[in-house]
Protein backbone atom coordinates (compact mmCIF):
# COMPACT_ATOMS: atom_id res chain seq x y z
CA MET A 1 0.27 -0.18 0.22
CA ILE A 2 2.96 2.16 1.02
CA HIS A 3 4.76 1.74 -2.78
CA LEU A 4 0.94 1.96 -4.43
CA ALA A 5 0.49 5.88 -2.96
CA GLY A 6 3.94 6.59 -3.56
CA LEU A 7 2.87 6.04 -7.32
CA ALA A 8 1.61 9.03 -9.88
CA PRO A 9 -2.24 9.81 -9.33
CA ALA A 10 -4.11 7.14 -11.33
CA SER A 11 -0.81 4.71 -11.97
CA THR A 12 -0.98 1.30 -12.11
CA VAL A 13 1.82 -1.37 -11.29
CA GLN A 14 2.26 -4.80 -12.06
CA ARG A 15 2.28 -7.56 -9.62
CA SER A 16 5.71 -8.93 -10.70
CA VAL A 17 6.87 -5.20 -10.69
CA LEU A 18 5.45 -4.67 -7.18
CA SER A 19 7.25 -7.97 -6.30
CA GLN A 20 10.73 -7.06 -6.82
CA ALA A 21 10.60 -3.73 -5.28
CA THR A 22 8.66 -4.49 -2.00
CA GLY A 23 10.86 -8.03 -1.89
CA VAL A 24 7.84 -9.87 -1.13
CA PRO A 25 7.19 -13.29 -3.30
CA GLU A 26 4.90 -12.87 -5.99
CA ALA A 27 2.48 -15.95 -5.03
CA PHE A 28 2.07 -14.00 -1.07
CA LEU A 29 1.77 -11.09 -2.79
CA SER A 30 -1.16 -11.94 -5.16
CA LYS A 31 -3.10 -13.45 -1.82
CA VAL A 32 -2.54 -9.58 -0.03
CA LEU A 33 -3.52 -8.08 -2.38
CA GLN A 34 -6.89 -10.39 -3.66
CA GLN A 35 -7.86 -8.86 0.35
CA LEU A 36 -6.89 -5.53 -0.48
CA VAL A 37 -8.77 -5.76 -3.49
CA ARG A 38 -11.87 -7.45 -1.92
CA SER A 39 -11.45 -5.08 0.87
CA GLU A 40 -12.29 -2.20 -1.72
CA LEU A 41 -8.70 -0.06 -0.90
CA VAL A 42 -7.08 -1.68 -3.77
CA ARG A 43 -8.24 -1.50 -7.69
CA SER A 44 -7.31 -4.53 -10.44
CA TRP A 45 -6.93 -3.95 -13.78
CA ARG A 46 -7.17 -6.40 -16.53
CA GLY A 47 -4.73 -6.60 -19.61
CA SER A 48 -1.51 -5.40 -21.02
CA GLY A 49 -1.73 -1.93 -19.30
CA GLY A 50 -3.53 -3.37 -16.23
CA GLY A 51 -2.09 -3.75 -12.99
CA PHE A 52 -2.87 -2.37 -9.40
CA GLU A 53 -4.27 0.54 -8.15
CA LEU A 54 -5.06 2.35 -5.20
CA ALA A 55 -9.44 2.65 -5.35
CA VAL A 56 -8.68 5.43 -2.23
CA SER A 57 -7.38 8.58 -1.07
CA ALA A 58 -3.64 7.21 0.31
CA GLU A 59 -4.75 10.37 3.10
CA SER A 60 -7.94 8.43 3.72
CA VAL A 61 -5.99 5.02 4.87
CA SER A 62 -4.05 4.11 7.94
CA MET A 63 -1.83 1.11 8.41
CA LEU A 64 -4.83 -0.13 10.87
CA ASP A 65 -7.22 -0.18 7.84
CA VAL A 66 -4.62 -2.15 5.99
CA MET A 67 -3.78 -4.41 8.37
CA GLU A 68 -7.32 -5.30 8.90
CA ALA A 69 -8.22 -5.84 5.40
CA ILE A 70 -5.48 -8.14 5.38
CA GLU A 71 -6.04 -9.94 8.83
CA GLY A 72 -9.55 -8.95 10.11
CA PRO A 73 -10.42 -6.89 12.83
CA THR A 74 -7.70 -6.67 15.27
CA ARG A 75 -7.88 -9.10 18.76
CA MET A 76 -4.55 -9.33 20.49
CA ASN A 77 -6.12 -12.09 22.75
CA GLN A 78 -9.31 -14.20 22.73
CA CYS A 79 -10.74 -12.12 26.04
CA LEU A 80 -11.47 -9.21 23.62
CA VAL A 81 -13.68 -11.00 21.79
CA ASP A 82 -17.39 -9.62 22.75
CA GLY A 83 -19.49 -12.16 24.24
CA PRO A 84 -18.73 -15.19 25.87
CA SER A 85 -15.50 -15.87 24.23
CA CYS A 86 -13.38 -16.64 27.66
CA GLU A 87 -14.72 -17.92 31.01
CA ARG A 88 -12.46 -15.77 32.90
CA LYS A 89 -13.00 -12.36 32.00
CA SER A 90 -14.30 -10.70 34.55
CA TRP A 91 -12.52 -11.15 36.89
CA CYS A 92 -8.74 -12.22 34.86
CA PRO A 93 -6.01 -9.64 36.09
CA GLY A 94 -4.99 -10.01 32.60
CA HIS A 95 -7.66 -9.10 31.08
CA GLY A 96 -7.22 -5.37 31.60
CA VAL A 97 -3.99 -5.58 30.69
CA TRP A 98 -5.04 -6.45 26.85
CA ILE A 99 -7.46 -4.50 26.54
CA GLU A 100 -4.79 -1.17 27.39
CA ALA A 101 -2.45 -3.14 24.83
CA GLN A 102 -4.81 -3.25 21.45
CA ALA A 103 -6.01 0.25 22.42
CA ALA A 104 -2.38 1.19 21.85
CA LEU A 105 -1.87 -0.77 19.10
CA LYS A 106 -5.03 0.59 16.97
CA GLY A 107 -4.24 3.92 18.46
CA VAL A 108 -0.63 3.89 17.00
CA LEU A 109 -1.38 2.29 13.78
CA GLY A 110 -4.56 4.43 13.61
CA ALA A 111 -2.85 7.72 13.43
CA VAL A 112 -0.65 7.07 10.24
CA SER A 113 -1.66 7.41 7.22
CA ILE A 114 -0.46 5.56 4.29
CA ALA A 115 0.02 9.07 2.20
CA SER A 116 2.53 10.44 5.17
CA LEU A 117 4.23 6.84 5.25
CA ALA A 118 4.53 7.25 1.21
CA THR A 119 6.28 10.46 1.43
CA GLU A 120 8.78 9.71 3.73
CA ALA A 121 9.31 6.67 1.58
CA LYS A 122 9.68 8.56 -1.78
CA GLY A 123 13.36 8.96 -2.04
CA ASN A 124 14.03 5.70 -0.84
CA LEU A 125 12.27 4.13 -3.99
CA ALA A 126 13.49 6.57 -6.47
CA SER A 127 17.13 4.68 -4.86
CA LEU A 128 16.00 1.49 -4.99
CA TYR A 129 14.21 2.00 -8.66
CA SER A 130 17.99 3.22 -10.30
CA SER A 131 20.11 0.79 -7.84
CA HIS A 132 18.13 -2.02 -9.60
CA HIS A 133 17.65 -1.59 -12.87
CA TRP A 134 14.12 -2.62 -12.37
CA PRO A 135 12.04 -1.15 -15.06
CA VAL A 136 10.02 1.74 -14.20
CA PRO A 137 6.88 0.53 -12.30
CA VAL A 138 4.59 3.17 -13.28
CA LEU A 139 2.10 2.54 -16.16
CA GLY A 140 0.17 5.49 -17.36
CA VAL A 141 -3.21 4.43 -17.03
CA PRO A 142 -5.63 4.15 -20.17
CA GLU A 143 -8.11 7.02 -21.17
CA SER A 144 -10.97 4.19 -21.20
CA ARG A 145 -10.11 0.49 -19.71
CA SER A 146 -11.35 -2.23 -21.93
CA SER A 147 -12.15 -4.13 -18.46
CA PRO A 148 -14.09 -2.87 -15.81
CA PRO A 149 -11.64 -3.61 -12.15
CA VAL A 150 -11.55 -6.52 -10.44
CA ARG A 151 -13.62 -6.93 -7.81
CA GLY A 152 -12.76 -9.91 -5.89
CA GLY A 153 -14.30 -13.56 -6.35
CA LYS A 154 -13.08 -15.10 -9.58
CA ALA A 155 -12.06 -12.88 -11.28
CA ALA A 156 -9.58 -11.55 -8.75
CA LYS A 157 -8.08 -15.30 -8.72
CA GLU A 158 -7.46 -15.03 -12.10
CA CYS A 159 -6.55 -11.28 -12.20
CA GLY A 160 -4.19 -12.47 -9.05
CA ARG A 161 -1.92 -15.45 -11.46
């Protein structure tokens, strides 16, 4: 998400280039991208000019949003799930500590936008590409798309090959 936020507006990047740039194996990246597409944080386009792009403004997305899009709701411990998740919840001295720890984690991750991280990383990305001689990751977005964006399900799996 940080890499995507650092690209020019309305730009797409191919999964293989994103994999190289981030050092994330393509098979794993494909699964992460599918989750981000399903969560509507990322849009996927098919075809020769296709790839992945942010579906929302980077300013409106926090690290917490990204983490929860991939992993689901933040729950540091079973006792933090609403309802009868732990029979000791009412008297356990550790329960309050777990509540405080989760609130702190969510506060820290929720306070940082992907846009601010992308701004911080911009110089690093430029030097990364020049030092590895990778192709420029930004592909121009065609004026009109021949295929609609992929929204998850079977189409996302096919696009994520």
